[in-house]
Amino acid sequence: MRNEMRKLLDRLEESGKQDFDLHMHTTFCDGKNTPEEMVLSAIEKGLHTVGISGHALTFFDKGYCMSNEKLSGYFSQVEGLKEKYADKIKVLCGLEVDYYSSVPEEYLKRADYIIGSVHYIYKDGEYVTVDKTADILKEAAERLWNGDVYAMIDDYYKTVADVVRKLDPDVIGHIDLITKFIEIDEFFDTSDPRYMESSRSAAKALIPFGIPFEINYGAITRGYRTLPYPEKTLLDFISENGGYFIRSSDAHSKENILTAE
């Protein structure tokens, strides 16, 4: 675990209150506001620490993420904000790295922290996004998994289970992102035994690493869900088996950054 993340977790354990938000996106990727606007909003919300976590490159889906050519400017700008606002807030420069991201090693080392996430399921040479629409997932299940949505979900969670080994992250991002659309299109059931076995197997594989999972509010602020990730039964399972959480806004605009607890 990187040093800045360890300091924040120690602070959280000592106080019992979270006064940081580490998951947010800016105009460097698919966010609406600049890094400086996000920092200023975090100051207004009373945070002690704010982390910018730009989406790292996925070569097969470039529309939402930063190109590797942008990384130098991204790090330089966010690191400049560290100095500019040092008397008001602690600014960290992170990356949200997908399981299938491609990032130069120098930037992985330069990052203050990494959020490890899974946004895709790889099947038969295709990268199926779980983050765009329910229709994409339903069509993929029919075409690539012979109509068996729970087989598709199992492949998703097998990838999630490997995210720490693959990425060495400091935070496990939205573990059950595949549930993003089920409140508006219930095309599978999270209480189904097959779903529960797949999701819990992934959680059991990740808990021993001692890395925090997110309670992620991103789908709420974008109108897809009324409850954060992970859904309650999985959240309870992780907690009961020794896992722990930090809150994350996954903000794509300055209004949605968390406030201090």
C-alpha atoms as a PDB file:
ATOM      1  CA  MET A   1       0.000   0.000   0.000  1.00  0.00           C
ATOM      2  CA  ARG A   2       1.362   3.413  -0.954  1.00  0.00           C
ATOM      3  CA  ASN A   3       2.367   5.747   1.831  1.00  0.00           C
ATOM      4  CA  GLU A   4      -0.300   8.429   1.294  1.00  0.00           C
ATOM      5  CA  MET A   5      -3.056   5.833   1.424  1.00  0.00           C
ATOM      6  CA  ARG A   6      -1.701   4.340   4.626  1.00  0.00           C
ATOM      7  CA  LYS A   7      -1.683   7.786   6.248  1.00  0.00           C
ATOM      8  CA  LEU A   8      -5.327   8.350   5.316  1.00  0.00           C
ATOM      9  CA  LEU A   9      -6.415   4.967   6.634  1.00  0.00           C
ATOM     10  CA  ASP A  10      -4.554   5.591   9.895  1.00  0.00           C
ATOM     11  CA  ARG A  11      -6.294   8.953  10.166  1.00  0.00           C
ATOM     12  CA  LEU A  12      -9.678   7.328   9.529  1.00  0.00           C
ATOM     13  CA  GLU A  13      -9.050   4.631  12.142  1.00  0.00           C
ATOM     14  CA  GLU A  14      -7.993   7.169  14.751  1.00  0.00           C
ATOM     15  CA  SER A  15     -10.888   9.574  14.248  1.00  0.00           C
ATOM     16  CA  GLY A  16     -13.657   7.265  13.067  1.00  0.00           C
ATOM     17  CA  LYS A  17     -14.620   9.981  10.593  1.00  0.00           C
ATOM     18  CA  GLN A  18     -13.824  10.231   6.896  1.00  0.00           C
ATOM     19  CA  ASP A  19     -12.743  13.645   5.689  1.00  0.00           C
ATOM     20  CA  PHE A  20     -11.333  12.645   2.304  1.00  0.00           C
ATOM     21  CA  ASP A  21     -12.649  11.721  -1.130  1.00  0.00           C
ATOM     22  CA  LEU A  22     -10.291   9.965  -3.529  1.00  0.00           C
ATOM     23  CA  HIS A  23     -12.452   8.991  -6.500  1.00  0.00           C
ATOM     24  CA  MET A  24     -13.287  11.738  -8.970  1.00  0.00           C
ATOM     25  CA  HIS A  25     -12.830  12.592 -12.629  1.00  0.00           C
ATOM     26  CA  THR A  26     -12.051  15.815 -14.433  1.00  0.00           C
ATOM     27  CA  THR A  27     -11.848  17.264 -17.921  1.00  0.00           C
ATOM     28  CA  PHE A  28      -8.689  15.223 -18.428  1.00  0.00           C
ATOM     29  CA  CYS A  29     -11.012  12.235 -18.944  1.00  0.00           C
ATOM     30  CA  ASP A  30     -14.830  12.107 -18.739  1.00  0.00           C
ATOM     31  CA  GLY A  31     -15.456  14.675 -16.007  1.00  0.00           C
ATOM     32  CA  LYS A  32     -17.152  18.057 -16.380  1.00  0.00           C
ATOM     33  CA  ASN A  33     -14.815  20.206 -14.279  1.00  0.00           C
ATOM     34  CA  THR A  34     -11.109  20.965 -14.215  1.00  0.00           C
ATOM     35  CA  PRO A  35      -8.875  19.597 -11.449  1.00  0.00           C
ATOM     36  CA  GLU A  36      -8.693  23.039  -9.869  1.00  0.00           C
ATOM     37  CA  GLU A  37     -12.482  23.375  -9.818  1.00  0.00           C
ATOM     38  CA  MET A  38     -12.721  20.004  -8.095  1.00  0.00           C
ATOM     39  CA  VAL A  39     -10.141  21.027  -5.507  1.00  0.00           C
ATOM     40  CA  LEU A  40     -11.943  24.289  -4.772  1.00  0.00           C
ATOM     41  CA  SER A  41     -15.217  22.422  -4.336  1.00  0.00           C
ATOM     42  CA  ALA A  42     -13.552  19.968  -1.951  1.00  0.00           C
ATOM     43  CA  ILE A  43     -12.284  22.911   0.113  1.00  0.00           C
ATOM     44  CA  GLU A  44     -15.818  24.326   0.292  1.00  0.00           C
ATOM     45  CA  LYS A  45     -17.097  20.927   1.441  1.00  0.00           C
ATOM     46  CA  GLY A  46     -14.659  20.858   4.339  1.00  0.00           C
ATOM     47  CA  LEU A  47     -12.457  17.981   3.243  1.00  0.00           C
ATOM     48  CA  HIS A  48      -8.979  17.481   4.647  1.00  0.00           C
ATOM     49  CA  THR A  49      -7.782  15.557   1.551  1.00  0.00           C
ATOM     50  CA  VAL A  50      -8.955  15.397  -2.045  1.00  0.00           C
ATOM     51  CA  GLY A  51      -7.717  12.913  -4.619  1.00  0.00           C
ATOM     52  CA  ILE A  52      -8.070  13.283  -8.376  1.00  0.00           C
ATOM     53  CA  SER A  53      -8.205   9.857 -10.048  1.00  0.00           C
ATOM     54  CA  GLY A  54      -8.210  10.148 -13.829  1.00  0.00           C
ATOM     55  CA  HIS A  55      -9.225   7.123 -15.890  1.00  0.00           C
ATOM     56  CA  ALA A  56      -6.145   5.374 -17.244  1.00  0.00           C
ATOM     57  CA  LEU A  57      -6.073   4.301 -20.869  1.00  0.00           C
ATOM     58  CA  THR A  58      -7.991   1.310 -22.192  1.00  0.00           C
ATOM     59  CA  PHE A  59      -6.690   0.995 -25.744  1.00  0.00           C
ATOM     60  CA  PHE A  60      -9.905  -0.598 -27.078  1.00  0.00           C
ATOM     61  CA  ASP A  61     -12.243   2.070 -25.617  1.00  0.00           C
ATOM     62  CA  LYS A  62     -10.612   5.499 -25.612  1.00  0.00           C
ATOM     63  CA  GLY A  63     -13.653   7.756 -25.344  1.00  0.00           C
ATOM     64  CA  TYR A  64     -13.785   8.100 -21.561  1.00  0.00           C
ATOM     65  CA  CYS A  65     -10.136   7.858 -20.497  1.00  0.00           C
ATOM     66  CA  MET A  66      -6.831   9.699 -20.721  1.00  0.00           C
ATOM     67  CA  SER A  67      -4.386   8.897 -23.467  1.00  0.00           C
ATOM     68  CA  ASN A  68      -0.899   8.113 -22.233  1.00  0.00           C
ATOM     69  CA  GLU A  69       0.233  11.311 -23.949  1.00  0.00           C
ATOM     70  CA  LYS A  70      -2.000  13.277 -21.565  1.00  0.00           C
ATOM     71  CA  LEU A  71      -0.502  11.767 -18.432  1.00  0.00           C
ATOM     72  CA  SER A  72       2.418  14.173 -18.163  1.00  0.00           C
ATOM     73  CA  GLY A  73       0.105  17.184 -18.253  1.00  0.00           C
ATOM     74  CA  TYR A  74      -2.345  15.536 -15.873  1.00  0.00           C
ATOM     75  CA  PHE A  75       0.291  14.808 -13.249  1.00  0.00           C
ATOM     76  CA  SER A  76       1.932  18.206 -13.640  1.00  0.00           C
ATOM     77  CA  GLN A  77      -1.349  20.071 -13.232  1.00  0.00           C
ATOM     78  CA  VAL A  78      -2.583  18.113 -10.211  1.00  0.00           C
ATOM     79  CA  GLU A  79       0.828  18.217  -8.559  1.00  0.00           C
ATOM     80  CA  GLY A  80       0.846  21.976  -9.092  1.00  0.00           C
ATOM     81  CA  LEU A  81      -2.419  22.200  -7.181  1.00  0.00           C
ATOM     82  CA  LYS A  82      -0.771  20.434  -4.249  1.00  0.00           C
ATOM     83  CA  GLU A  83       1.509  23.421  -3.791  1.00  0.00           C
ATOM     84  CA  LYS A  84      -1.044  26.094  -4.660  1.00  0.00           C
ATOM     85  CA  TYR A  85      -3.589  24.956  -2.062  1.00  0.00           C
ATOM     86  CA  ALA A  86      -1.263  23.369   0.506  1.00  0.00           C
ATOM     87  CA  ASP A  87      -2.468  25.738   3.243  1.00  0.00           C
ATOM     88  CA  LYS A  88      -6.137  24.799   2.628  1.00  0.00           C
ATOM     89  CA  ILE A  89      -6.284  21.117   1.649  1.00  0.00           C
ATOM     90  CA  LYS A  90      -4.075  18.110   0.913  1.00  0.00           C
ATOM     91  CA  VAL A  91      -4.241  17.251  -2.789  1.00  0.00           C
ATOM     92  CA  LEU A  92      -3.322  13.782  -4.060  1.00  0.00           C
ATOM     93  CA  CYS A  93      -2.784  12.683  -7.651  1.00  0.00           C
ATOM     94  CA  GLY A  94      -4.143   9.210  -8.340  1.00  0.00           C
ATOM     95  CA  LEU A  95      -5.269   6.999 -11.181  1.00  0.00           C
ATOM     96  CA  GLU A  96      -8.283   4.784 -11.669  1.00  0.00           C
ATOM     97  CA  VAL A  97      -6.756   1.837 -13.484  1.00  0.00           C
ATOM     98  CA  ASP A  98      -8.980  -0.717 -15.185  1.00  0.00           C
ATOM     99  CA  TYR A  99      -8.039  -4.399 -15.199  1.00  0.00           C
ATOM    100  CA  TYR A 100      -7.311  -3.996 -18.916  1.00  0.00           C
ATOM    101  CA  SER A 101      -5.642  -0.570 -18.763  1.00  0.00           C
ATOM    102  CA  SER A 102      -2.235   0.080 -20.257  1.00  0.00           C
ATOM    103  CA  VAL A 103      -0.203   2.608 -18.252  1.00  0.00           C
ATOM    104  CA  PRO A 104       3.518   3.382 -18.431  1.00  0.00           C
ATOM    105  CA  GLU A 105       5.261   2.139 -15.308  1.00  0.00           C
ATOM    106  CA  GLU A 106       6.673   5.580 -14.511  1.00  0.00           C
ATOM    107  CA  TYR A 107       3.173   6.944 -13.935  1.00  0.00           C
ATOM    108  CA  LEU A 108       2.064   3.999 -11.839  1.00  0.00           C
ATOM    109  CA  LYS A 109       5.047   4.726  -9.593  1.00  0.00           C
ATOM    110  CA  ARG A 110       4.394   8.471  -9.618  1.00  0.00           C
ATOM    111  CA  ALA A 111       0.745   8.140  -8.542  1.00  0.00           C
ATOM    112  CA  ASP A 112      -0.067   8.796  -4.880  1.00  0.00           C
ATOM    113  CA  TYR A 113      -2.619   5.978  -5.022  1.00  0.00           C
ATOM    114  CA  ILE A 114      -4.366   3.686  -7.486  1.00  0.00           C
ATOM    115  CA  ILE A 115      -7.997   2.624  -7.635  1.00  0.00           C
ATOM    116  CA  GLY A 116      -8.288  -0.816  -9.230  1.00  0.00           C
ATOM    117  CA  SER A 117     -11.522  -1.345 -11.133  1.00  0.00           C
ATOM    118  CA  VAL A 118     -13.178  -3.659 -13.625  1.00  0.00           C
ATOM    119  CA  HIS A 119     -15.323  -2.066 -16.335  1.00  0.00           C
ATOM    120  CA  TYR A 120     -15.222  -4.891 -18.901  1.00  0.00           C
ATOM    121  CA  ILE A 121     -15.635  -8.614 -19.364  1.00  0.00           C
ATOM    122  CA  TYR A 122     -13.311 -10.168 -21.930  1.00  0.00           C
ATOM    123  CA  LYS A 123     -14.937 -12.929 -23.965  1.00  0.00           C
ATOM    124  CA  ASP A 124     -14.031 -14.458 -27.329  1.00  0.00           C
ATOM    125  CA  GLY A 125     -11.849 -11.523 -28.319  1.00  0.00           C
ATOM    126  CA  GLU A 126     -14.344  -8.850 -27.236  1.00  0.00           C
ATOM    127  CA  TYR A 127     -14.279  -6.412 -24.341  1.00  0.00           C
ATOM    128  CA  VAL A 128     -17.870  -6.128 -23.131  1.00  0.00           C
ATOM    129  CA  THR A 129     -18.496  -2.953 -21.146  1.00  0.00           C
ATOM    130  CA  VAL A 130     -20.553  -3.312 -17.973  1.00  0.00           C
ATOM    131  CA  ASP A 131     -20.786   0.459 -17.477  1.00  0.00           C
ATOM    132  CA  LYS A 132     -22.804   1.856 -20.410  1.00  0.00           C
ATOM    133  CA  THR A 133     -26.271   0.301 -20.805  1.00  0.00           C
ATOM    134  CA  ALA A 134     -28.245  -2.737 -19.705  1.00  0.00           C
ATOM    135  CA  ASP A 135     -29.006  -3.489 -23.356  1.00  0.00           C
ATOM    136  CA  ILE A 136     -25.305  -3.957 -24.118  1.00  0.00           C
ATOM    137  CA  LEU A 137     -25.051  -6.523 -21.338  1.00  0.00           C
ATOM    138  CA  LYS A 138     -28.218  -8.356 -22.324  1.00  0.00           C
ATOM    139  CA  GLU A 139     -27.172  -8.535 -25.967  1.00  0.00           C
ATOM    140  CA  ALA A 140     -23.722  -9.771 -25.006  1.00  0.00           C
ATOM    141  CA  ALA A 141     -25.166 -12.453 -22.742  1.00  0.00           C
ATOM    142  CA  GLU A 142     -27.299 -13.756 -25.607  1.00  0.00           C
ATOM    143  CA  ARG A 143     -24.518 -13.677 -28.159  1.00  0.00           C
ATOM    144  CA  LEU A 144     -21.423 -14.663 -26.181  1.00  0.00           C
ATOM    145  CA  TRP A 145     -22.774 -16.673 -23.234  1.00  0.00           C
ATOM    146  CA  ASN A 146     -25.647 -18.513 -24.967  1.00  0.00           C
ATOM    147  CA  GLY A 147     -28.229 -16.469 -23.084  1.00  0.00           C
ATOM    148  CA  ASP A 148     -26.848 -17.358 -19.654  1.00  0.00           C
ATOM    149  CA  VAL A 149     -26.559 -14.021 -17.867  1.00  0.00           C
ATOM    150  CA  TYR A 150     -25.203 -15.665 -14.707  1.00  0.00           C
ATOM    151  CA  ALA A 151     -22.350 -17.245 -16.662  1.00  0.00           C
ATOM    152  CA  MET A 152     -21.501 -13.747 -17.909  1.00  0.00           C
ATOM    153  CA  ILE A 153     -21.671 -12.409 -14.352  1.00  0.00           C
ATOM    154  CA  ASP A 154     -19.417 -15.207 -13.155  1.00  0.00           C
ATOM    155  CA  ASP A 155     -16.788 -14.199 -15.706  1.00  0.00           C
ATOM    156  CA  TYR A 156     -17.080 -10.597 -14.508  1.00  0.00           C
ATOM    157  CA  TYR A 157     -16.496 -11.578 -10.882  1.00  0.00           C
ATOM    158  CA  LYS A 158     -13.603 -13.882 -11.781  1.00  0.00           C
ATOM    159  CA  THR A 159     -11.928 -10.812 -13.267  1.00  0.00           C
ATOM    160  CA  VAL A 160     -12.778  -8.740 -10.183  1.00  0.00           C
ATOM    161  CA  ALA A 161     -11.265 -11.441  -7.970  1.00  0.00           C
ATOM    162  CA  ASP A 162      -7.923 -10.975  -9.750  1.00  0.00           C
ATOM    163  CA  VAL A 163      -7.791  -7.173  -9.646  1.00  0.00           C
ATOM    164  CA  VAL A 164      -5.392  -6.870  -6.706  1.00  0.00           C
ATOM    165  CA  ARG A 165      -2.920  -9.383  -8.095  1.00  0.00           C
ATOM    166  CA  LYS A 166      -2.994  -7.698 -11.491  1.00  0.00           C
ATOM    167  CA  LEU A 167      -2.975  -4.014 -10.510  1.00  0.00           C
ATOM    168  CA  ASP A 168      -1.612  -3.735  -6.952  1.00  0.00           C
ATOM    169  CA  PRO A 169      -4.173  -1.012  -6.128  1.00  0.00           C
ATOM    170  CA  ASP A 170      -4.764   0.921  -2.912  1.00  0.00           C
ATOM    171  CA  VAL A 171      -8.565   0.861  -3.265  1.00  0.00           C
ATOM    172  CA  ILE A 172     -10.885  -1.700  -4.855  1.00  0.00           C
ATOM    173  CA  GLY A 173     -13.300   0.270  -7.040  1.00  0.00           C
ATOM    174  CA  HIS A 174     -17.060  -0.414  -7.196  1.00  0.00           C
ATOM    175  CA  ILE A 175     -16.805  -4.189  -6.808  1.00  0.00           C
ATOM    176  CA  ASP A 176     -20.303  -4.858  -8.183  1.00  0.00           C
ATOM    177  CA  LEU A 177     -20.375  -2.347 -11.047  1.00  0.00           C
ATOM    178  CA  ILE A 178     -22.253  -4.953 -13.084  1.00  0.00           C
ATOM    179  CA  THR A 179     -25.326  -4.165 -10.937  1.00  0.00           C
ATOM    180  CA  LYS A 180     -25.393  -0.550 -12.167  1.00  0.00           C
ATOM    181  CA  PHE A 181     -28.658  -0.885 -14.096  1.00  0.00           C
ATOM    182  CA  ILE A 182     -30.670  -3.430 -12.121  1.00  0.00           C
ATOM    183  CA  GLU A 183     -32.887  -0.850 -10.421  1.00  0.00           C
ATOM    184  CA  ILE A 184     -34.114   0.364 -13.799  1.00  0.00           C
ATOM    185  CA  ASP A 185     -33.894  -2.939 -15.714  1.00  0.00           C
ATOM    186  CA  GLU A 186     -33.854  -6.011 -13.479  1.00  0.00           C
ATOM    187  CA  PHE A 187     -32.377  -8.454 -15.966  1.00  0.00           C
ATOM    188  CA  PHE A 188     -30.808 -10.534 -13.192  1.00  0.00           C
ATOM    189  CA  ASP A 189     -31.406 -11.089  -9.499  1.00  0.00           C
ATOM    190  CA  THR A 190     -28.708 -10.409  -6.916  1.00  0.00           C
ATOM    191  CA  SER A 191     -30.389 -12.900  -4.568  1.00  0.00           C
ATOM    192  CA  ASP A 192     -30.051 -15.717  -7.100  1.00  0.00           C
ATOM    193  CA  PRO A 193     -27.718 -18.420  -5.683  1.00  0.00           C
ATOM    194  CA  ARG A 194     -25.474 -18.306  -8.756  1.00  0.00           C
ATOM    195  CA  TYR A 195     -25.062 -14.545  -8.471  1.00  0.00           C
ATOM    196  CA  MET A 196     -24.354 -14.764  -4.770  1.00  0.00           C
ATOM    197  CA  GLU A 197     -21.753 -17.491  -5.253  1.00  0.00           C
ATOM    198  CA  SER A 198     -19.926 -15.492  -7.935  1.00  0.00           C
ATOM    199  CA  SER A 199     -19.920 -12.182  -6.068  1.00  0.00           C
ATOM    200  CA  ARG A 200     -18.986 -13.710  -2.728  1.00  0.00           C
ATOM    201  CA  SER A 201     -16.181 -15.753  -4.268  1.00  0.00           C
ATOM    202  CA  ALA A 202     -14.664 -12.534  -5.613  1.00  0.00           C
ATOM    203  CA  ALA A 203     -15.037 -10.812  -2.254  1.00  0.00           C
ATOM    204  CA  LYS A 204     -13.443 -13.752  -0.437  1.00  0.00           C
ATOM    205  CA  ALA A 205     -10.489 -13.645  -2.825  1.00  0.00           C
ATOM    206  CA  LEU A 206      -9.941  -9.905  -2.233  1.00  0.00           C
ATOM    207  CA  ILE A 207     -10.552  -9.493   1.508  1.00  0.00           C
ATOM    208  CA  PRO A 208      -7.262 -11.110   2.625  1.00  0.00           C
ATOM    209  CA  PHE A 209      -5.242  -8.401   0.851  1.00  0.00           C
ATOM    210  CA  GLY A 210      -6.424  -5.867   3.446  1.00  0.00           C
ATOM    211  CA  ILE A 211      -7.253  -3.224   0.852  1.00  0.00           C
ATOM    212  CA  PRO A 212     -10.358  -1.043   1.324  1.00  0.00           C
ATOM    213  CA  PHE A 213     -13.411  -1.550  -0.848  1.00  0.00           C
ATOM    214  CA  GLU A 214     -15.438   1.445  -1.957  1.00  0.00           C
ATOM    215  CA  ILE A 215     -18.882   2.463  -0.897  1.00  0.00           C
ATOM    216  CA  ASN A 216     -19.348   4.227  -4.205  1.00  0.00           C
ATOM    217  CA  TYR A 217     -22.065   6.845  -4.818  1.00  0.00           C
ATOM    218  CA  GLY A 218     -21.416   7.409  -8.521  1.00  0.00           C
ATOM    219  CA  ALA A 219     -24.475   5.630  -9.901  1.00  0.00           C
ATOM    220  CA  ILE A 220     -26.749   7.557  -7.524  1.00  0.00           C
ATOM    221  CA  THR A 221     -25.591  10.976  -8.671  1.00  0.00           C
ATOM    222  CA  ARG A 222     -25.959   9.902 -12.303  1.00  0.00           C
ATOM    223  CA  GLY A 223     -29.524   8.695 -11.767  1.00  0.00           C
ATOM    224  CA  TYR A 224     -29.085   4.939 -12.194  1.00  0.00           C
ATOM    225  CA  ARG A 225     -29.452   3.815  -8.607  1.00  0.00           C
ATOM    226  CA  THR A 226     -30.923   4.906  -5.299  1.00  0.00           C
ATOM    227  CA  LEU A 227     -28.334   2.998  -3.254  1.00  0.00           C
ATOM    228  CA  PRO A 228     -24.524   2.947  -3.504  1.00  0.00           C
ATOM    229  CA  TYR A 229     -22.293   0.087  -4.585  1.00  0.00           C
ATOM    230  CA  PRO A 230     -22.007  -2.560  -3.288  1.00  0.00           C
ATOM    231  CA  GLU A 231     -25.619  -3.658  -2.762  1.00  0.00           C
ATOM    232  CA  LYS A 232     -26.391  -4.386   0.879  1.00  0.00           C
ATOM    233  CA  THR A 233     -26.098  -8.164   0.982  1.00  0.00           C
ATOM    234  CA  LEU A 234     -22.635  -8.069  -0.589  1.00  0.00           C
ATOM    235  CA  LEU A 235     -21.607  -5.131   1.594  1.00  0.00           C
ATOM    236  CA  ASP A 236     -22.694  -7.054   4.689  1.00  0.00           C
ATOM    237  CA  PHE A 237     -20.867 -10.175   3.512  1.00  0.00           C
ATOM    238  CA  ILE A 238     -17.630  -8.250   3.042  1.00  0.00           C
ATOM    239  CA  SER A 239     -17.947  -6.585   6.445  1.00  0.00           C
ATOM    240  CA  GLU A 240     -18.792  -9.835   8.225  1.00  0.00           C
ATOM    241  CA  ASN A 241     -15.728 -11.494   6.692  1.00  0.00           C
ATOM    242  CA  GLY A 242     -13.202  -8.877   7.699  1.00  0.00           C
ATOM    243  CA  GLY A 243     -13.305  -6.456   4.779  1.00  0.00           C
ATOM    244  CA  TYR A 244     -13.659  -2.726   5.260  1.00  0.00           C
ATOM    245  CA  PHE A 245     -14.764   0.302   3.266  1.00  0.00           C
ATOM    246  CA  ILE A 246     -14.093   3.908   2.451  1.00  0.00           C
ATOM    247  CA  ARG A 247     -16.694   6.231   0.943  1.00  0.00           C
ATOM    248  CA  SER A 248     -16.087   7.445  -2.622  1.00  0.00           C
ATOM    249  CA  SER A 249     -18.098   9.925  -4.652  1.00  0.00           C
ATOM    250  CA  ASP A 250     -16.899   8.779  -8.090  1.00  0.00           C
ATOM    251  CA  ALA A 251     -17.779  12.380  -8.903  1.00  0.00           C
ATOM    252  CA  HIS A 252     -17.751  13.529 -12.507  1.00  0.00           C
ATOM    253  CA  SER A 253     -18.687  17.073 -11.506  1.00  0.00           C
ATOM    254  CA  LYS A 254     -17.724  19.304  -8.608  1.00  0.00           C
ATOM    255  CA  GLU A 255     -21.202  19.278  -7.060  1.00  0.00           C
ATOM    256  CA  ASN A 256     -21.001  15.553  -6.308  1.00  0.00           C
ATOM    257  CA  ILE A 257     -17.808  15.468  -4.247  1.00  0.00           C
ATOM    258  CA  LEU A 258     -18.383  14.084  -0.771  1.00  0.00           C
ATOM    259  CA  THR A 259     -18.527  16.263   2.305  1.00  0.00           C
ATOM    260  CA  ALA A 260     -16.613  15.405   5.461  1.00  0.00           C
ATOM    261  CA  GLU A 261     -18.500  13.059   7.788  1.00  0.00           C
END
